PDB file of N, CA and C in Angstrom:
ATOM      1  N   MET A   1     129.818  -0.411 -58.851  1.00  0.00           N
ATOM      2  CA  MET A   1     128.752  -0.500 -57.974  1.00  0.00           C
ATOM      3  C   MET A   1     128.943   0.757 -57.120  1.00  0.00           C
ATOM      4  N   SER A   2     127.823   1.296 -56.743  1.00  0.00           N
ATOM      5  CA  SER A   2     127.729   2.265 -55.705  1.00  0.00           C
ATOM      6  C   SER A   2     127.166   2.022 -54.300  1.00  0.00           C
ATOM      7  N   ASN A   3     126.898   3.026 -53.557  1.00  0.00           N
ATOM      8  CA  ASN A   3     126.384   2.579 -52.210  1.00  0.00           C
ATOM      9  C   ASN A   3     125.133   1.751 -52.329  1.00  0.00           C
ATOM     10  N   CYS A   4     124.866   0.844 -51.548  1.00  0.00           N
ATOM     11  CA  CYS A   4     123.534   0.054 -51.609  1.00  0.00           C
ATOM     12  C   CYS A   4     123.448  -0.456 -50.179  1.00  0.00           C
ATOM     13  N   VAL A   5     122.196  -0.909 -50.043  1.00  0.00           N
ATOM     14  CA  VAL A   5     121.706  -1.517 -48.777  1.00  0.00           C
ATOM     15  C   VAL A   5     120.749  -2.545 -49.092  1.00  0.00           C
ATOM     16  N   TRP A   6     120.743  -3.743 -48.268  1.00  0.00           N
ATOM     17  CA  TRP A   6     119.916  -4.813 -48.455  1.00  0.00           C
ATOM     18  C   TRP A   6     119.726  -5.517 -47.139  1.00  0.00           C
ATOM     19  N   LYS A   7     118.544  -6.350 -47.193  1.00  0.00           N
ATOM     20  CA  LYS A   7     118.084  -7.132 -46.014  1.00  0.00           C
ATOM     21  C   LYS A   7     118.859  -8.405 -46.051  1.00  0.00           C
ATOM     22  N   PHE A   8     119.769  -8.584 -45.130  1.00  0.00           N
ATOM     23  CA  PHE A   8     120.646  -9.715 -45.005  1.00  0.00           C
ATOM     24  C   PHE A   8     119.870 -10.977 -44.224  1.00  0.00           C
ATOM     25  N   SER A   9     119.046 -10.688 -43.110  1.00  0.00           N
ATOM     26  CA  SER A   9     118.357 -11.664 -42.501  1.00  0.00           C
ATOM     27  C   SER A   9     117.197 -10.728 -41.842  1.00  0.00           C
ATOM     28  N   GLY A  10     116.426 -11.628 -41.075  1.00  0.00           N
ATOM     29  CA  GLY A  10     115.305 -10.744 -40.417  1.00  0.00           C
ATOM     30  C   GLY A  10     115.953 -10.006 -39.313  1.00  0.00           C
ATOM     31  N   LYS A  11     117.084 -10.338 -38.682  1.00  0.00           N
ATOM     32  CA  LYS A  11     117.827  -9.608 -37.702  1.00  0.00           C
ATOM     33  C   LYS A  11     118.692  -8.330 -38.150  1.00  0.00           C
ATOM     34  N   TYR A  12     119.309  -8.636 -39.461  1.00  0.00           N
ATOM     35  CA  TYR A  12     120.400  -7.714 -39.607  1.00  0.00           C
ATOM     36  C   TYR A  12     120.126  -7.244 -41.225  1.00  0.00           C
ATOM     37  N   GLY A  13     120.702  -6.140 -41.544  1.00  0.00           N
ATOM     38  CA  GLY A  13     120.776  -5.495 -42.753  1.00  0.00           C
ATOM     39  C   GLY A  13     122.320  -5.313 -43.215  1.00  0.00           C
ATOM     40  N   MET A  14     122.526  -5.181 -44.543  1.00  0.00           N
ATOM     41  CA  MET A  14     123.739  -5.072 -44.959  1.00  0.00           C
ATOM     42  C   MET A  14     123.980  -3.666 -45.775  1.00  0.00           C
ATOM     43  N   ALA A  15     125.061  -3.024 -45.750  1.00  0.00           N
ATOM     44  CA  ALA A  15     125.304  -1.853 -46.620  1.00  0.00           C
ATOM     45  C   ALA A  15     126.653  -2.002 -47.137  1.00  0.00           C
ATOM     46  N   TYR A  16     126.681  -1.632 -48.487  1.00  0.00           N
ATOM     47  CA  TYR A  16     128.020  -1.556 -49.142  1.00  0.00           C
ATOM     48  C   TYR A  16     128.307  -0.050 -49.488  1.00  0.00           C
ATOM     49  N   LEU A  17     129.275   0.545 -49.023  1.00  0.00           N
ATOM     50  CA  LEU A  17     129.583   1.881 -48.933  1.00  0.00           C
ATOM     51  C   LEU A  17     130.807   2.296 -49.510  1.00  0.00           C
ATOM     52  N   GLU A  18     131.016   3.066 -50.418  1.00  0.00           N
ATOM     53  CA  GLU A  18     132.013   3.645 -50.961  1.00  0.00           C
ATOM     54  C   GLU A  18     132.443   5.179 -50.533  1.00  0.00           C
ATOM     55  N   ASN A  19     131.732   5.391 -49.533  1.00  0.00           N
ATOM     56  CA  ASN A  19     132.101   6.742 -48.838  1.00  0.00           C
ATOM     57  C   ASN A  19     132.242   6.499 -47.393  1.00  0.00           C
ATOM     58  N   ARG A  20     133.495   6.888 -46.783  1.00  0.00           N
ATOM     59  CA  ARG A  20     133.809   6.679 -45.545  1.00  0.00           C
ATOM     60  C   ARG A  20     132.932   7.543 -44.474  1.00  0.00           C
ATOM     61  N   LYS A  21     132.383   8.633 -44.918  1.00  0.00           N
ATOM     62  CA  LYS A  21     131.502   9.676 -44.186  1.00  0.00           C
ATOM     63  C   LYS A  21     130.288   8.723 -43.923  1.00  0.00           C
ATOM     64  N   LEU A  22     129.686   8.246 -44.945  1.00  0.00           N
ATOM     65  CA  LEU A  22     128.522   7.213 -44.813  1.00  0.00           C
ATOM     66  C   LEU A  22     128.601   6.052 -43.780  1.00  0.00           C
ATOM     67  N   VAL A  23     129.911   5.579 -43.801  1.00  0.00           N
ATOM     68  CA  VAL A  23     130.114   4.267 -43.194  1.00  0.00           C
ATOM     69  C   VAL A  23     130.144   5.015 -41.433  1.00  0.00           C
ATOM     70  N   ASP A  24     130.758   6.169 -41.384  1.00  0.00           N
ATOM     71  CA  ASP A  24     130.691   6.564 -39.954  1.00  0.00           C
ATOM     72  C   ASP A  24     129.306   7.032 -39.686  1.00  0.00           C
ATOM     73  N   GLU A  25     128.261   7.533 -40.659  1.00  0.00           N
ATOM     74  CA  GLU A  25     127.079   7.861 -40.121  1.00  0.00           C
ATOM     75  C   GLU A  25     126.181   6.555 -39.729  1.00  0.00           C
ATOM     76  N   ILE A  26     126.366   5.387 -40.620  1.00  0.00           N
ATOM     77  CA  ILE A  26     125.596   4.089 -40.156  1.00  0.00           C
ATOM     78  C   ILE A  26     126.029   3.673 -38.884  1.00  0.00           C
ATOM     79  N   LEU A  27     127.556   3.725 -38.675  1.00  0.00           N
ATOM     80  CA  LEU A  27     127.888   3.239 -37.343  1.00  0.00           C
ATOM     81  C   LEU A  27     127.468   4.260 -36.111  1.00  0.00           C
ATOM     82  N   MET A  28     127.177   5.388 -36.351  1.00  0.00           N
ATOM     83  CA  MET A  28     126.643   6.301 -35.339  1.00  0.00           C
ATOM     84  C   MET A  28     125.343   5.967 -35.142  1.00  0.00           C
ATOM     85  N   VAL A  29     124.384   5.417 -36.041  1.00  0.00           N
ATOM     86  CA  VAL A  29     123.195   4.904 -36.006  1.00  0.00           C
ATOM     87  C   VAL A  29     122.919   3.774 -35.018  1.00  0.00           C
ATOM     88  N   GLU A  30     123.941   2.814 -35.226  1.00  0.00           N
ATOM     89  CA  GLU A  30     124.257   1.774 -34.682  1.00  0.00           C
ATOM     90  C   GLU A  30     124.794   1.893 -33.142  1.00  0.00           C
ATOM     91  N   GLY A  31     125.348   3.146 -32.970  1.00  0.00           N
ATOM     92  CA  GLY A  31     125.924   3.468 -31.756  1.00  0.00           C
ATOM     93  C   GLY A  31     127.111   2.437 -31.556  1.00  0.00           C
ATOM     94  N   ARG A  32     127.965   2.149 -32.405  1.00  0.00           N
ATOM     95  CA  ARG A  32     129.147   1.506 -32.584  1.00  0.00           C
ATOM     96  C   ARG A  32     130.417   2.203 -33.046  1.00  0.00           C
ATOM     97  N   PRO A  33     131.537   1.879 -32.567  1.00  0.00           N
ATOM     98  CA  PRO A  33     132.808   2.616 -32.976  1.00  0.00           C
ATOM     99  C   PRO A  33     133.063   1.838 -34.445  1.00  0.00           C
ATOM    100  N   LEU A  34     133.940   2.559 -35.299  1.00  0.00           N
ATOM    101  CA  LEU A  34     134.371   1.916 -36.533  1.00  0.00           C
ATOM    102  C   LEU A  34     134.711   0.559 -36.439  1.00  0.00           C
ATOM    103  N   HIS A  35     135.954   0.367 -35.436  1.00  0.00           N
ATOM    104  CA  HIS A  35     136.366  -0.899 -35.241  1.00  0.00           C
ATOM    105  C   HIS A  35     135.654  -1.817 -34.331  1.00  0.00           C
ATOM    106  N   GLY A  36     134.093  -1.748 -34.396  1.00  0.00           N
ATOM    107  CA  GLY A  36     133.532  -2.713 -33.512  1.00  0.00           C
ATOM    108  C   GLY A  36     133.558  -4.019 -34.087  1.00  0.00           C
ATOM    109  N   ARG A  37     133.482  -4.932 -33.190  1.00  0.00           N
ATOM    110  CA  ARG A  37     133.455  -6.375 -33.818  1.00  0.00           C
ATOM    111  C   ARG A  37     132.047  -6.579 -34.502  1.00  0.00           C
ATOM    112  N   ASP A  38     132.434  -7.377 -35.384  1.00  0.00           N
ATOM    113  CA  ASP A  38     131.281  -7.783 -36.309  1.00  0.00           C
ATOM    114  C   ASP A  38     130.364  -6.583 -37.130  1.00  0.00           C
ATOM    115  N   VAL A  39     130.833  -5.588 -37.071  1.00  0.00           N
ATOM    116  CA  VAL A  39     130.059  -4.482 -37.782  1.00  0.00           C
ATOM    117  C   VAL A  39     130.602  -4.159 -39.082  1.00  0.00           C
ATOM    118  N   VAL A  40     131.981  -3.796 -39.290  1.00  0.00           N
ATOM    119  CA  VAL A  40     132.467  -3.653 -40.531  1.00  0.00           C
ATOM    120  C   VAL A  40     132.945  -5.033 -41.014  1.00  0.00           C
ATOM    121  N   LEU A  41     132.289  -5.561 -41.810  1.00  0.00           N
ATOM    122  CA  LEU A  41     132.489  -6.958 -42.214  1.00  0.00           C
ATOM    123  C   LEU A  41     133.489  -7.080 -43.319  1.00  0.00           C
ATOM    124  N   ALA A  42     133.717  -6.148 -43.998  1.00  0.00           N
ATOM    125  CA  ALA A  42     134.837  -6.340 -45.100  1.00  0.00           C
ATOM    126  C   ALA A  42     135.319  -4.742 -45.425  1.00  0.00           C
ATOM    127  N   THR A  43     136.544  -4.630 -45.692  1.00  0.00           N
ATOM    128  CA  THR A  43     137.016  -3.473 -46.231  1.00  0.00           C
ATOM    129  C   THR A  43     137.560  -3.845 -47.566  1.00  0.00           C
ATOM    130  N   TYR A  44     137.449  -3.018 -48.643  1.00  0.00           N
ATOM    131  CA  TYR A  44     137.970  -3.172 -50.089  1.00  0.00           C
ATOM    132  C   TYR A  44     138.969  -2.470 -50.338  1.00  0.00           C
ATOM    133  N   TYR A  45     140.153  -2.886 -50.892  1.00  0.00           N
ATOM    134  CA  TYR A  45     141.139  -1.892 -51.353  1.00  0.00           C
ATOM    135  C   TYR A  45     141.461  -2.223 -52.765  1.00  0.00           C
ATOM    136  N   SER A  46     142.021  -0.968 -53.222  1.00  0.00           N
ATOM    137  CA  SER A  46     142.415  -0.998 -54.826  1.00  0.00           C
ATOM    138  C   SER A  46     143.790  -1.665 -54.781  1.00  0.00           C
ATOM    139  N   PRO A  47     144.289  -2.076 -56.070  1.00  0.00           N
ATOM    140  CA  PRO A  47     145.618  -2.876 -56.107  1.00  0.00           C
ATOM    141  C   PRO A  47     146.591  -2.020 -55.453  1.00  0.00           C
ATOM    142  N   GLY A  48     146.430  -0.732 -55.391  1.00  0.00           N
ATOM    143  CA  GLY A  48     147.614   0.165 -54.877  1.00  0.00           C
ATOM    144  C   GLY A  48     147.400   0.403 -53.364  1.00  0.00           C
ATOM    145  N   GLY A  49     146.358  -0.224 -52.735  1.00  0.00           N
ATOM    146  CA  GLY A  49     146.353  -0.519 -51.304  1.00  0.00           C
ATOM    147  C   GLY A  49     145.591   0.655 -50.688  1.00  0.00           C
ATOM    148  N   LYS A  50     144.790   1.343 -51.611  1.00  0.00           N
ATOM    149  CA  LYS A  50     143.846   2.440 -51.133  1.00  0.00           C
ATOM    150  C   LYS A  50     142.593   1.912 -50.863  1.00  0.00           C
ATOM    151  N   THR A  51     141.925   2.254 -49.657  1.00  0.00           N
ATOM    152  CA  THR A  51     140.567   1.821 -49.157  1.00  0.00           C
ATOM    153  C   THR A  51     139.564   2.561 -50.143  1.00  0.00           C
ATOM    154  N   PHE A  52     138.531   1.598 -50.802  1.00  0.00           N
ATOM    155  CA  PHE A  52     137.739   2.320 -51.561  1.00  0.00           C
ATOM    156  C   PHE A  52     136.087   1.884 -51.188  1.00  0.00           C
ATOM    157  N   ALA A  53     136.099   0.905 -50.344  1.00  0.00           N
ATOM    158  CA  ALA A  53     134.652   0.602 -49.885  1.00  0.00           C
ATOM    159  C   ALA A  53     134.582  -0.231 -48.571  1.00  0.00           C
ATOM    160  N   TRP A  54     133.609  -0.364 -47.817  1.00  0.00           N
ATOM    161  CA  TRP A  54     133.292  -0.990 -46.796  1.00  0.00           C
ATOM    162  C   TRP A  54     131.971  -1.727 -46.969  1.00  0.00           C
ATOM    163  N   GLN A  55     131.934  -2.877 -46.239  1.00  0.00           N
ATOM    164  CA  GLN A  55     130.549  -3.618 -46.088  1.00  0.00           C
ATOM    165  C   GLN A  55     130.347  -3.630 -44.677  1.00  0.00           C
ATOM    166  N   VAL A  56     129.075  -2.980 -44.226  1.00  0.00           N
ATOM    167  CA  VAL A  56     128.752  -2.885 -42.742  1.00  0.00           C
ATOM    168  C   VAL A  56     127.433  -3.528 -42.493  1.00  0.00           C
ATOM    169  N   ARG A  57     127.347  -4.146 -41.473  1.00  0.00           N
ATOM    170  CA  ARG A  57     126.118  -4.922 -40.941  1.00  0.00           C
ATOM    171  C   ARG A  57     125.430  -4.015 -39.869  1.00  0.00           C
ATOM    172  N   PHE A  58     124.181  -3.815 -39.989  1.00  0.00           N
ATOM    173  CA  PHE A  58     123.415  -3.148 -38.975  1.00  0.00           C
ATOM    174  C   PHE A  58     122.223  -3.964 -38.567  1.00  0.00           C
ATOM    175  N   SER A  59     121.701  -3.365 -37.552  1.00  0.00           N
ATOM    176  CA  SER A  59     120.361  -3.955 -36.834  1.00  0.00           C
ATOM    177  C   SER A  59     119.277  -3.599 -37.942  1.00  0.00           C
ATOM    178  N   MET A  60     118.245  -4.488 -38.285  1.00  0.00           N
ATOM    179  CA  MET A  60     117.042  -4.109 -38.842  1.00  0.00           C
ATOM    180  C   MET A  60     116.137  -3.247 -38.261  1.00  0.00           C
ATOM    181  N   ALA A  61     116.362  -2.918 -37.011  1.00  0.00           N
ATOM    182  CA  ALA A  61     115.504  -2.089 -36.046  1.00  0.00           C
ATOM    183  C   ALA A  61     115.962  -0.702 -36.605  1.00  0.00           C
ATOM    184  N   ASN A  62     117.167  -0.581 -37.417  1.00  0.00           N
ATOM    185  CA  ASN A  62     117.691   0.754 -37.633  1.00  0.00           C
ATOM    186  C   ASN A  62     117.494   0.986 -39.185  1.00  0.00           C
ATOM    187  N   TRP A  63     116.815   0.164 -39.831  1.00  0.00           N
ATOM    188  CA  TRP A  63     116.734   0.071 -41.405  1.00  0.00           C
ATOM    189  C   TRP A  63     116.192   1.519 -41.733  1.00  0.00           C
ATOM    190  N   ALA A  64     115.177   2.100 -41.371  1.00  0.00           N
ATOM    191  CA  ALA A  64     114.777   3.394 -41.760  1.00  0.00           C
ATOM    192  C   ALA A  64     115.789   4.531 -41.626  1.00  0.00           C
ATOM    193  N   ALA A  65     116.583   4.549 -40.542  1.00  0.00           N
ATOM    194  CA  ALA A  65     117.512   5.575 -40.227  1.00  0.00           C
ATOM    195  C   ALA A  65     118.660   5.190 -41.107  1.00  0.00           C
ATOM    196  N   VAL A  66     118.990   4.168 -41.425  1.00  0.00           N
ATOM    197  CA  VAL A  66     120.191   3.703 -42.367  1.00  0.00           C
ATOM    198  C   VAL A  66     119.808   4.182 -43.638  1.00  0.00           C
ATOM    199  N   SER A  67     118.500   3.665 -44.260  1.00  0.00           N
ATOM    200  CA  SER A  67     118.164   4.264 -45.484  1.00  0.00           C
ATOM    201  C   SER A  67     117.976   5.852 -45.573  1.00  0.00           C
ATOM    202  N   ARG A  68     117.723   6.364 -44.544  1.00  0.00           N
ATOM    203  CA  ARG A  68     117.695   8.010 -44.616  1.00  0.00           C
ATOM    204  C   ARG A  68     119.092   8.446 -44.940  1.00  0.00           C
ATOM    205  N   ALA A  69     119.981   7.990 -44.062  1.00  0.00           N
ATOM    206  CA  ALA A  69     121.525   8.424 -44.223  1.00  0.00           C
ATOM    207  C   ALA A  69     122.001   8.021 -45.647  1.00  0.00           C
ATOM    208  N   LEU A  70     121.576   7.110 -46.240  1.00  0.00           N
ATOM    209  CA  LEU A  70     122.015   6.933 -47.658  1.00  0.00           C
ATOM    210  C   LEU A  70     121.345   7.689 -48.645  1.00  0.00           C
ATOM    211  N   GLY A  71     120.235   8.438 -48.108  1.00  0.00           N
ATOM    212  CA  GLY A  71     119.305   9.238 -49.197  1.00  0.00           C
ATOM    213  C   GLY A  71     118.382   8.505 -49.802  1.00  0.00           C
ATOM    214  N   LEU A  72     117.959   7.340 -49.309  1.00  0.00           N
ATOM    215  CA  LEU A  72     116.919   6.551 -49.914  1.00  0.00           C
ATOM    216  C   LEU A  72     115.641   6.897 -49.606  1.00  0.00           C
ATOM    217  N   ASP A  73     114.646   6.746 -50.318  1.00  0.00           N
ATOM    218  CA  ASP A  73     113.144   7.221 -50.129  1.00  0.00           C
ATOM    219  C   ASP A  73     112.747   6.055 -49.267  1.00  0.00           C
ATOM    220  N   VAL A  74     112.303   6.395 -47.912  1.00  0.00           N
ATOM    221  CA  VAL A  74     111.745   5.212 -47.142  1.00  0.00           C
ATOM    222  C   VAL A  74     110.349   5.607 -46.968  1.00  0.00           C
ATOM    223  N   GLN A  75     109.528   4.504 -47.302  1.00  0.00           N
ATOM    224  CA  GLN A  75     108.042   4.721 -47.182  1.00  0.00           C
ATOM    225  C   GLN A  75     107.545   4.182 -45.791  1.00  0.00           C
TER     226      GLN A  75
END
């Protein structure tokens, strides 16, 4: 799997990110620190303990900005 984004509800979107820089960009769009409550919902680790992905919640109001940060074509 690679980076992806989806609508989670009418209020929130979700992003699965395999790049820490993108996580930071999404959180800047949200105006929240990396360790903000209810923002980083999951962190994925390899069997050796290395972090390789994050699942991040964001406001649907920021859908276009998040999509642009991920390099997605926003209409």
